[in-house]
Amino acid sequence: MNESLYFYFLLVAVFMLAGVVKGVTGMGLPTVAMGLLGSALSPVAAASMLFVPTLVTNVWQIFAGPSVGRIIRRLWPMMLGVVVATMAGAALLVRADARWSGLALGMALIVYAVYSFVAPAFRVPVDKERWLSPLVGAISGVVTGATGVFVMPAVPYLQSLGLDRDELVQALGLSFTVSTISLTTGLLLHGAFGVQQLGLSALAIVPALAGMWLGQKIRGRISARTFRLCFLGFLLLLGIELVVRPLAA
């Protein structure tokens, strides 16, 4: 009973915190949730929890702006790469030893945090998108399939396309939605996702939405730069802990 209570408390706390991050920054729910749940659960189990809250929050994000059709027409080659590579890459998450897939998750968090701290902004020319989009989508899919984290290199690439703020928010929502569905489908095809996980995932909707609401309130009270630095520092420390754990065992 105590273990059950601890698990439900952990689920609520993690998704509320992840929702706060998403409410402030427009992204980060699956990244934070995977990182924190990965400290207590196997990466496969943690990834299974993401499906419903990530899908609900990101579908809302896609349709919250005016450019859905244009974004889909521009990014479908990238999304196709994400779908194929994520579904294939999910085998890595399912078959790998939980300690070492946790290490891979930690490395992905570290790379993303360090990149975000130090990398300069860059712009991808429109004429390069035809071949870069499916390539970036495929690489992102492999990383997603292996770690359950959707951000690298998809987020930096989308930020480099010169989209305006609303379009970027929609593009991130589209990328995360496609990644979520593809990862869950891959886990299902490999026998690692079932009805029990779906029910537990659905329980996370309320704390995730409550966290998003709170995050939107916080966004108006602190500087975006301060929050971003705290967020990246948190991901860096979490990634280091996940990397060190199997090496110290």
C-alpha atoms as a PDB file:
ATOM      1  CA  MET A   1       0.000   0.000   0.000  1.00  0.00           C
ATOM      2  CA  ASN A   2       2.781   2.443   0.912  1.00  0.00           C
ATOM      3  CA  GLU A   3       4.510   1.717  -2.395  1.00  0.00           C
ATOM      4  CA  SER A   4       1.250   2.347  -4.268  1.00  0.00           C
ATOM      5  CA  LEU A   5       0.699   5.653  -2.487  1.00  0.00           C
ATOM      6  CA  TYR A   6       4.287   6.677  -3.206  1.00  0.00           C
ATOM      7  CA  PHE A   7       3.861   5.839  -6.890  1.00  0.00           C
ATOM      8  CA  TYR A   8       0.671   7.900  -7.264  1.00  0.00           C
ATOM      9  CA  PHE A   9       2.216  10.795  -5.367  1.00  0.00           C
ATOM     10  CA  LEU A  10       5.243  10.602  -7.666  1.00  0.00           C
ATOM     11  CA  LEU A  11       3.017  10.531 -10.759  1.00  0.00           C
ATOM     12  CA  VAL A  12       1.058  13.600  -9.670  1.00  0.00           C
ATOM     13  CA  ALA A  13       4.144  15.557  -8.572  1.00  0.00           C
ATOM     14  CA  VAL A  14       6.142  14.779 -11.713  1.00  0.00           C
ATOM     15  CA  PHE A  15       3.400  15.687 -14.177  1.00  0.00           C
ATOM     16  CA  MET A  16       2.442  18.815 -12.279  1.00  0.00           C
ATOM     17  CA  LEU A  17       6.060  19.995 -12.328  1.00  0.00           C
ATOM     18  CA  ALA A  18       6.376  19.047 -16.003  1.00  0.00           C
ATOM     19  CA  GLY A  19       3.153  20.944 -16.706  1.00  0.00           C
ATOM     20  CA  VAL A  20       4.542  24.026 -14.961  1.00  0.00           C
ATOM     21  CA  VAL A  21       7.617  23.911 -17.197  1.00  0.00           C
ATOM     22  CA  LYS A  22       5.437  23.593 -20.303  1.00  0.00           C
ATOM     23  CA  GLY A  23       3.188  26.410 -19.123  1.00  0.00           C
ATOM     24  CA  VAL A  24       6.158  28.747 -18.767  1.00  0.00           C
ATOM     25  CA  THR A  25       8.229  27.708 -21.803  1.00  0.00           C
ATOM     26  CA  GLY A  26       5.770  26.067 -24.235  1.00  0.00           C
ATOM     27  CA  MET A  27       7.743  22.809 -24.139  1.00  0.00           C
ATOM     28  CA  GLY A  28       9.517  20.430 -21.769  1.00  0.00           C
ATOM     29  CA  LEU A  29       6.686  18.265 -20.431  1.00  0.00           C
ATOM     30  CA  PRO A  30       7.960  14.935 -21.829  1.00  0.00           C
ATOM     31  CA  THR A  31      11.586  15.876 -21.180  1.00  0.00           C
ATOM     32  CA  VAL A  32      11.024  16.684 -17.506  1.00  0.00           C
ATOM     33  CA  ALA A  33       8.625  13.771 -17.002  1.00  0.00           C
ATOM     34  CA  MET A  34      11.000  11.251 -18.612  1.00  0.00           C
ATOM     35  CA  GLY A  35      13.939  12.565 -16.604  1.00  0.00           C
ATOM     36  CA  LEU A  36      12.171  12.424 -13.247  1.00  0.00           C
ATOM     37  CA  LEU A  37      10.266   9.184 -13.819  1.00  0.00           C
ATOM     38  CA  GLY A  38      13.462   7.659 -15.193  1.00  0.00           C
ATOM     39  CA  SER A  39      14.951   8.071 -11.720  1.00  0.00           C
ATOM     40  CA  ALA A  40      12.338   5.716 -10.271  1.00  0.00           C
ATOM     41  CA  LEU A  41      11.075   3.596 -13.179  1.00  0.00           C
ATOM     42  CA  SER A  42      12.571   1.901 -16.208  1.00  0.00           C
ATOM     43  CA  PRO A  43      12.670   4.163 -19.294  1.00  0.00           C
ATOM     44  CA  VAL A  44      10.069   1.922 -20.983  1.00  0.00           C
ATOM     45  CA  ALA A  45       7.649   2.322 -18.069  1.00  0.00           C
ATOM     46  CA  ALA A  46       8.326   6.067 -17.908  1.00  0.00           C
ATOM     47  CA  ALA A  47       7.755   6.488 -21.661  1.00  0.00           C
ATOM     48  CA  SER A  48       4.455   4.620 -21.378  1.00  0.00           C
ATOM     49  CA  MET A  49       3.216   7.204 -18.881  1.00  0.00           C
ATOM     50  CA  LEU A  50       3.744  10.059 -21.323  1.00  0.00           C
ATOM     51  CA  PHE A  51       1.199   9.127 -23.972  1.00  0.00           C
ATOM     52  CA  VAL A  52      -2.087  10.698 -22.834  1.00  0.00           C
ATOM     53  CA  PRO A  53      -0.880  13.911 -21.089  1.00  0.00           C
ATOM     54  CA  THR A  54       1.672  14.654 -23.818  1.00  0.00           C
ATOM     55  CA  LEU A  55      -0.852  13.991 -26.580  1.00  0.00           C
ATOM     56  CA  VAL A  56      -3.574  16.127 -24.979  1.00  0.00           C
ATOM     57  CA  THR A  57      -1.346  19.115 -24.212  1.00  0.00           C
ATOM     58  CA  ASN A  58       0.378  19.113 -27.596  1.00  0.00           C
ATOM     59  CA  VAL A  59      -2.743  18.647 -29.730  1.00  0.00           C
ATOM     60  CA  TRP A  60      -4.117  21.708 -27.940  1.00  0.00           C
ATOM     61  CA  GLN A  61      -0.845  23.515 -28.707  1.00  0.00           C
ATOM     62  CA  ILE A  62      -1.067  22.638 -32.417  1.00  0.00           C
ATOM     63  CA  PHE A  63      -4.561  24.038 -32.868  1.00  0.00           C
ATOM     64  CA  ALA A  64      -4.083  27.109 -30.681  1.00  0.00           C
ATOM     65  CA  GLY A  65      -2.729  29.149 -33.624  1.00  0.00           C
ATOM     66  CA  PRO A  66      -3.669  30.035 -37.200  1.00  0.00           C
ATOM     67  CA  SER A  67      -1.032  28.179 -39.243  1.00  0.00           C
ATOM     68  CA  VAL A  68      -1.792  24.465 -38.865  1.00  0.00           C
ATOM     69  CA  GLY A  69      -2.095  23.653 -42.574  1.00  0.00           C
ATOM     70  CA  ARG A  70       0.991  25.651 -43.553  1.00  0.00           C
ATOM     71  CA  ILE A  71       3.085  24.075 -40.783  1.00  0.00           C
ATOM     72  CA  ILE A  72       2.054  20.543 -41.756  1.00  0.00           C
ATOM     73  CA  ARG A  73       2.771  21.160 -45.458  1.00  0.00           C
ATOM     74  CA  ARG A  74       6.216  22.528 -44.617  1.00  0.00           C
ATOM     75  CA  LEU A  75       7.243  19.917 -42.056  1.00  0.00           C
ATOM     76  CA  TRP A  76       5.705  16.671 -43.334  1.00  0.00           C
ATOM     77  CA  PRO A  77       9.082  15.300 -44.622  1.00  0.00           C
ATOM     78  CA  MET A  78      10.556  15.798 -41.142  1.00  0.00           C
ATOM     79  CA  MET A  79       7.514  14.192 -39.515  1.00  0.00           C
ATOM     80  CA  LEU A  80       7.764  11.194 -41.853  1.00  0.00           C
ATOM     81  CA  GLY A  81      11.373  10.692 -40.768  1.00  0.00           C
ATOM     82  CA  VAL A  82      10.299  10.961 -37.118  1.00  0.00           C
ATOM     83  CA  VAL A  83       7.571   8.320 -37.539  1.00  0.00           C
ATOM     84  CA  VAL A  84       9.709   5.713 -39.303  1.00  0.00           C
ATOM     85  CA  ALA A  85      12.811   6.109 -37.126  1.00  0.00           C
ATOM     86  CA  THR A  86      10.944   6.357 -33.803  1.00  0.00           C
ATOM     87  CA  MET A  87       8.915   3.209 -34.412  1.00  0.00           C
ATOM     88  CA  ALA A  88      12.069   1.329 -35.397  1.00  0.00           C
ATOM     89  CA  GLY A  89      14.144   2.869 -32.612  1.00  0.00           C
ATOM     90  CA  ALA A  90      11.626   1.903 -29.927  1.00  0.00           C
ATOM     91  CA  ALA A  91      13.164  -1.572 -30.057  1.00  0.00           C
ATOM     92  CA  LEU A  92      16.266  -0.047 -28.423  1.00  0.00           C
ATOM     93  CA  LEU A  93      14.226   1.259 -25.497  1.00  0.00           C
ATOM     94  CA  VAL A  94      12.413  -2.065 -25.058  1.00  0.00           C
ATOM     95  CA  ARG A  95      15.386  -4.424 -25.378  1.00  0.00           C
ATOM     96  CA  ALA A  96      18.175  -2.469 -23.717  1.00  0.00           C
ATOM     97  CA  ASP A  97      19.076  -3.025 -20.075  1.00  0.00           C
ATOM     98  CA  ALA A  98      17.189  -0.435 -18.005  1.00  0.00           C
ATOM     99  CA  ARG A  99      20.413   0.870 -16.435  1.00  0.00           C
ATOM    100  CA  TRP A 100      22.011   1.599 -19.794  1.00  0.00           C
ATOM    101  CA  SER A 101      18.893   3.035 -21.417  1.00  0.00           C
ATOM    102  CA  GLY A 102      18.702   5.306 -18.359  1.00  0.00           C
ATOM    103  CA  LEU A 103      22.289   6.329 -19.053  1.00  0.00           C
ATOM    104  CA  ALA A 104      21.331   7.120 -22.668  1.00  0.00           C
ATOM    105  CA  LEU A 105      18.431   9.223 -21.384  1.00  0.00           C
ATOM    106  CA  GLY A 106      20.794  11.091 -19.071  1.00  0.00           C
ATOM    107  CA  MET A 107      23.206  11.770 -21.928  1.00  0.00           C
ATOM    108  CA  ALA A 108      20.374  13.128 -24.072  1.00  0.00           C
ATOM    109  CA  LEU A 109      19.369  15.517 -21.268  1.00  0.00           C
ATOM    110  CA  ILE A 110      22.974  16.659 -20.791  1.00  0.00           C
ATOM    111  CA  VAL A 111      23.485  17.255 -24.518  1.00  0.00           C
ATOM    112  CA  TYR A 112      20.282  19.259 -24.775  1.00  0.00           C
ATOM    113  CA  ALA A 113      21.036  21.360 -21.676  1.00  0.00           C
ATOM    114  CA  VAL A 114      24.638  22.093 -22.676  1.00  0.00           C
ATOM    115  CA  TYR A 115      23.643  22.851 -26.266  1.00  0.00           C
ATOM    116  CA  SER A 116      20.944  25.259 -25.086  1.00  0.00           C
ATOM    117  CA  PHE A 117      23.393  26.996 -22.733  1.00  0.00           C
ATOM    118  CA  VAL A 118      26.195  27.580 -25.226  1.00  0.00           C
ATOM    119  CA  ALA A 119      25.038  27.133 -28.831  1.00  0.00           C
ATOM    120  CA  PRO A 120      24.615  30.288 -30.904  1.00  0.00           C
ATOM    121  CA  ALA A 121      21.402  30.853 -32.828  1.00  0.00           C
ATOM    122  CA  PHE A 122      21.610  29.777 -36.466  1.00  0.00           C
ATOM    123  CA  ARG A 123      19.360  29.831 -39.523  1.00  0.00           C
ATOM    124  CA  VAL A 124      18.749  27.010 -42.008  1.00  0.00           C
ATOM    125  CA  PRO A 125      18.280  28.289 -45.591  1.00  0.00           C
ATOM    126  CA  VAL A 126      14.942  27.355 -47.118  1.00  0.00           C
ATOM    127  CA  ASP A 127      16.602  25.516 -50.024  1.00  0.00           C
ATOM    128  CA  LYS A 128      18.340  23.143 -47.572  1.00  0.00           C
ATOM    129  CA  GLU A 129      15.106  22.052 -45.869  1.00  0.00           C
ATOM    130  CA  ARG A 130      14.238  19.490 -48.565  1.00  0.00           C
ATOM    131  CA  TRP A 131      17.036  17.147 -47.522  1.00  0.00           C
ATOM    132  CA  LEU A 132      17.684  18.382 -43.963  1.00  0.00           C
ATOM    133  CA  SER A 133      14.104  17.942 -42.713  1.00  0.00           C
ATOM    134  CA  PRO A 134      13.836  14.160 -43.249  1.00  0.00           C
ATOM    135  CA  LEU A 135      17.418  13.686 -41.996  1.00  0.00           C
ATOM    136  CA  VAL A 136      16.761  15.639 -38.795  1.00  0.00           C
ATOM    137  CA  GLY A 137      13.453  13.822 -38.399  1.00  0.00           C
ATOM    138  CA  ALA A 138      15.156  10.439 -38.694  1.00  0.00           C
ATOM    139  CA  ILE A 139      17.915  11.331 -36.216  1.00  0.00           C
ATOM    140  CA  SER A 140      15.334  12.729 -33.788  1.00  0.00           C
ATOM    141  CA  GLY A 141      13.326   9.531 -34.190  1.00  0.00           C
ATOM    142  CA  VAL A 142      16.295   7.338 -33.295  1.00  0.00           C
ATOM    143  CA  VAL A 143      17.021   9.459 -30.208  1.00  0.00           C
ATOM    144  CA  THR A 144      13.335   9.380 -29.228  1.00  0.00           C
ATOM    145  CA  GLY A 145      13.096   5.634 -29.757  1.00  0.00           C
ATOM    146  CA  ALA A 146      16.221   4.985 -27.696  1.00  0.00           C
ATOM    147  CA  THR A 147      15.604   7.436 -24.830  1.00  0.00           C
ATOM    148  CA  GLY A 148      11.975   8.616 -24.855  1.00  0.00           C
ATOM    149  CA  VAL A 149      13.165  12.247 -25.128  1.00  0.00           C
ATOM    150  CA  PHE A 150      11.837  14.242 -28.103  1.00  0.00           C
ATOM    151  CA  VAL A 151      14.015  17.361 -28.094  1.00  0.00           C
ATOM    152  CA  MET A 152      17.280  16.586 -29.925  1.00  0.00           C
ATOM    153  CA  PRO A 153      17.932  17.604 -32.625  1.00  0.00           C
ATOM    154  CA  ALA A 154      14.305  18.426 -33.497  1.00  0.00           C
ATOM    155  CA  VAL A 155      13.926  21.506 -31.265  1.00  0.00           C
ATOM    156  CA  PRO A 156      17.125  23.341 -32.362  1.00  0.00           C
ATOM    157  CA  TYR A 157      16.258  22.577 -35.994  1.00  0.00           C
ATOM    158  CA  LEU A 158      12.720  23.952 -35.705  1.00  0.00           C
ATOM    159  CA  GLN A 159      14.094  27.036 -33.954  1.00  0.00           C
ATOM    160  CA  SER A 160      16.416  27.591 -36.940  1.00  0.00           C
ATOM    161  CA  LEU A 161      13.668  27.731 -39.589  1.00  0.00           C
ATOM    162  CA  GLY A 162      12.755  31.386 -39.077  1.00  0.00           C
ATOM    163  CA  LEU A 163       9.210  30.659 -37.914  1.00  0.00           C
ATOM    164  CA  ASP A 164       7.394  33.390 -36.032  1.00  0.00           C
ATOM    165  CA  ARG A 165       6.518  32.785 -32.391  1.00  0.00           C
ATOM    166  CA  ASP A 166       3.058  31.309 -32.961  1.00  0.00           C
ATOM    167  CA  GLU A 167       4.272  29.112 -35.816  1.00  0.00           C
ATOM    168  CA  LEU A 168       7.183  27.831 -33.718  1.00  0.00           C
ATOM    169  CA  VAL A 169       4.829  26.905 -30.871  1.00  0.00           C
ATOM    170  CA  GLN A 170       2.623  25.025 -33.349  1.00  0.00           C
ATOM    171  CA  ALA A 171       5.622  23.340 -34.985  1.00  0.00           C
ATOM    172  CA  LEU A 172       6.884  22.150 -31.584  1.00  0.00           C
ATOM    173  CA  GLY A 173       3.416  20.872 -30.758  1.00  0.00           C
ATOM    174  CA  LEU A 174       3.262  18.981 -34.069  1.00  0.00           C
ATOM    175  CA  SER A 175       6.714  17.454 -33.577  1.00  0.00           C
ATOM    176  CA  PHE A 176       5.976  16.335 -30.026  1.00  0.00           C
ATOM    177  CA  THR A 177       2.565  14.943 -30.991  1.00  0.00           C
ATOM    178  CA  VAL A 178       3.967  12.897 -33.870  1.00  0.00           C
ATOM    179  CA  SER A 179       6.838  11.705 -31.665  1.00  0.00           C
ATOM    180  CA  THR A 180       4.443  10.720 -28.873  1.00  0.00           C
ATOM    181  CA  ILE A 181       2.166   8.702 -31.158  1.00  0.00           C
ATOM    182  CA  SER A 182       5.121   7.078 -32.929  1.00  0.00           C
ATOM    183  CA  LEU A 183       6.863   6.121 -29.675  1.00  0.00           C
ATOM    184  CA  THR A 184       3.692   4.664 -28.187  1.00  0.00           C
ATOM    185  CA  THR A 185       3.004   2.738 -31.410  1.00  0.00           C
ATOM    186  CA  GLY A 186       6.549   1.396 -31.362  1.00  0.00           C
ATOM    187  CA  LEU A 187       6.198   0.285 -27.737  1.00  0.00           C
ATOM    188  CA  LEU A 188       2.853  -1.330 -28.577  1.00  0.00           C
ATOM    189  CA  LEU A 189       4.326  -3.215 -31.537  1.00  0.00           C
ATOM    190  CA  HIS A 190       7.117  -4.500 -29.302  1.00  0.00           C
ATOM    191  CA  GLY A 191       4.683  -5.626 -26.587  1.00  0.00           C
ATOM    192  CA  ALA A 192       5.745  -2.964 -24.071  1.00  0.00           C
ATOM    193  CA  PHE A 193       2.525  -0.936 -23.841  1.00  0.00           C
ATOM    194  CA  GLY A 194      -0.812  -2.179 -22.527  1.00  0.00           C
ATOM    195  CA  VAL A 195      -4.171  -1.131 -21.107  1.00  0.00           C
ATOM    196  CA  GLN A 196      -2.765  -0.648 -17.593  1.00  0.00           C
ATOM    197  CA  GLN A 197      -0.226   1.904 -18.828  1.00  0.00           C
ATOM    198  CA  LEU A 198      -2.969   3.715 -20.759  1.00  0.00           C
ATOM    199  CA  GLY A 199      -5.068   4.063 -17.602  1.00  0.00           C
ATOM    200  CA  LEU A 200      -2.138   5.326 -15.546  1.00  0.00           C
ATOM    201  CA  SER A 201      -1.202   7.726 -18.332  1.00  0.00           C
ATOM    202  CA  ALA A 202      -4.753   9.111 -18.349  1.00  0.00           C
ATOM    203  CA  LEU A 203      -4.474   9.818 -14.607  1.00  0.00           C
ATOM    204  CA  ALA A 204      -1.639  12.232 -15.375  1.00  0.00           C
ATOM    205  CA  ILE A 205      -3.828  14.569 -17.455  1.00  0.00           C
ATOM    206  CA  VAL A 206      -5.231  16.522 -14.501  1.00  0.00           C
ATOM    207  CA  PRO A 207      -1.899  17.306 -12.775  1.00  0.00           C
ATOM    208  CA  ALA A 208      -0.322  18.115 -16.164  1.00  0.00           C
ATOM    209  CA  LEU A 209      -3.084  20.601 -17.042  1.00  0.00           C
ATOM    210  CA  ALA A 210      -3.034  22.053 -13.525  1.00  0.00           C
ATOM    211  CA  GLY A 211       0.719  22.507 -13.841  1.00  0.00           C
ATOM    212  CA  MET A 212       0.324  24.208 -17.225  1.00  0.00           C
ATOM    213  CA  TRP A 213      -2.191  26.636 -15.730  1.00  0.00           C
ATOM    214  CA  LEU A 214       0.190  27.399 -12.858  1.00  0.00           C
ATOM    215  CA  GLY A 215       3.102  27.766 -15.265  1.00  0.00           C
ATOM    216  CA  GLN A 216       1.196  30.324 -17.318  1.00  0.00           C
ATOM    217  CA  LYS A 217       0.632  32.319 -14.133  1.00  0.00           C
ATOM    218  CA  ILE A 218       4.315  32.079 -13.226  1.00  0.00           C
ATOM    219  CA  ARG A 219       5.348  33.169 -16.730  1.00  0.00           C
ATOM    220  CA  GLY A 220       3.896  36.613 -16.081  1.00  0.00           C
ATOM    221  CA  ARG A 221       5.810  37.049 -12.822  1.00  0.00           C
ATOM    222  CA  ILE A 222       9.413  36.030 -13.568  1.00  0.00           C
ATOM    223  CA  SER A 223      11.766  36.677 -16.439  1.00  0.00           C
ATOM    224  CA  ALA A 224      11.799  34.039 -19.160  1.00  0.00           C
ATOM    225  CA  ARG A 225      15.611  34.091 -19.114  1.00  0.00           C
ATOM    226  CA  THR A 226      15.787  33.335 -15.380  1.00  0.00           C
ATOM    227  CA  PHE A 227      13.347  30.467 -15.673  1.00  0.00           C
ATOM    228  CA  ARG A 228      15.134  29.088 -18.738  1.00  0.00           C
ATOM    229  CA  LEU A 229      18.482  29.043 -16.919  1.00  0.00           C
ATOM    230  CA  CYS A 230      16.923  27.275 -13.915  1.00  0.00           C
ATOM    231  CA  PHE A 231      15.187  24.782 -16.205  1.00  0.00           C
ATOM    232  CA  LEU A 232      18.360  23.946 -18.131  1.00  0.00           C
ATOM    233  CA  GLY A 233      20.387  23.680 -14.933  1.00  0.00           C
ATOM    234  CA  PHE A 234      17.797  21.273 -13.547  1.00  0.00           C
ATOM    235  CA  LEU A 235      17.956  19.123 -16.704  1.00  0.00           C
ATOM    236  CA  LEU A 236      21.762  19.124 -16.584  1.00  0.00           C
ATOM    237  CA  LEU A 237      21.869  17.913 -12.969  1.00  0.00           C
ATOM    238  CA  LEU A 238      19.177  15.324 -13.648  1.00  0.00           C
ATOM    239  CA  GLY A 239      21.076  14.064 -16.694  1.00  0.00           C
ATOM    240  CA  ILE A 240      24.321  13.784 -14.725  1.00  0.00           C
ATOM    241  CA  GLU A 241      22.551  11.773 -12.004  1.00  0.00           C
ATOM    242  CA  LEU A 242      21.115   9.351 -14.594  1.00  0.00           C
ATOM    243  CA  VAL A 243      24.523   8.913 -16.235  1.00  0.00           C
ATOM    244  CA  VAL A 244      26.420   8.391 -12.981  1.00  0.00           C
ATOM    245  CA  ARG A 245      23.948   5.893 -11.472  1.00  0.00           C
ATOM    246  CA  PRO A 246      24.803   2.790 -13.593  1.00  0.00           C
ATOM    247  CA  LEU A 247      28.496   3.651 -13.565  1.00  0.00           C
ATOM    248  CA  ALA A 248      28.509   3.786  -9.756  1.00  0.00           C
ATOM    249  CA  ALA A 249      26.518   0.567  -9.339  1.00  0.00           C
END
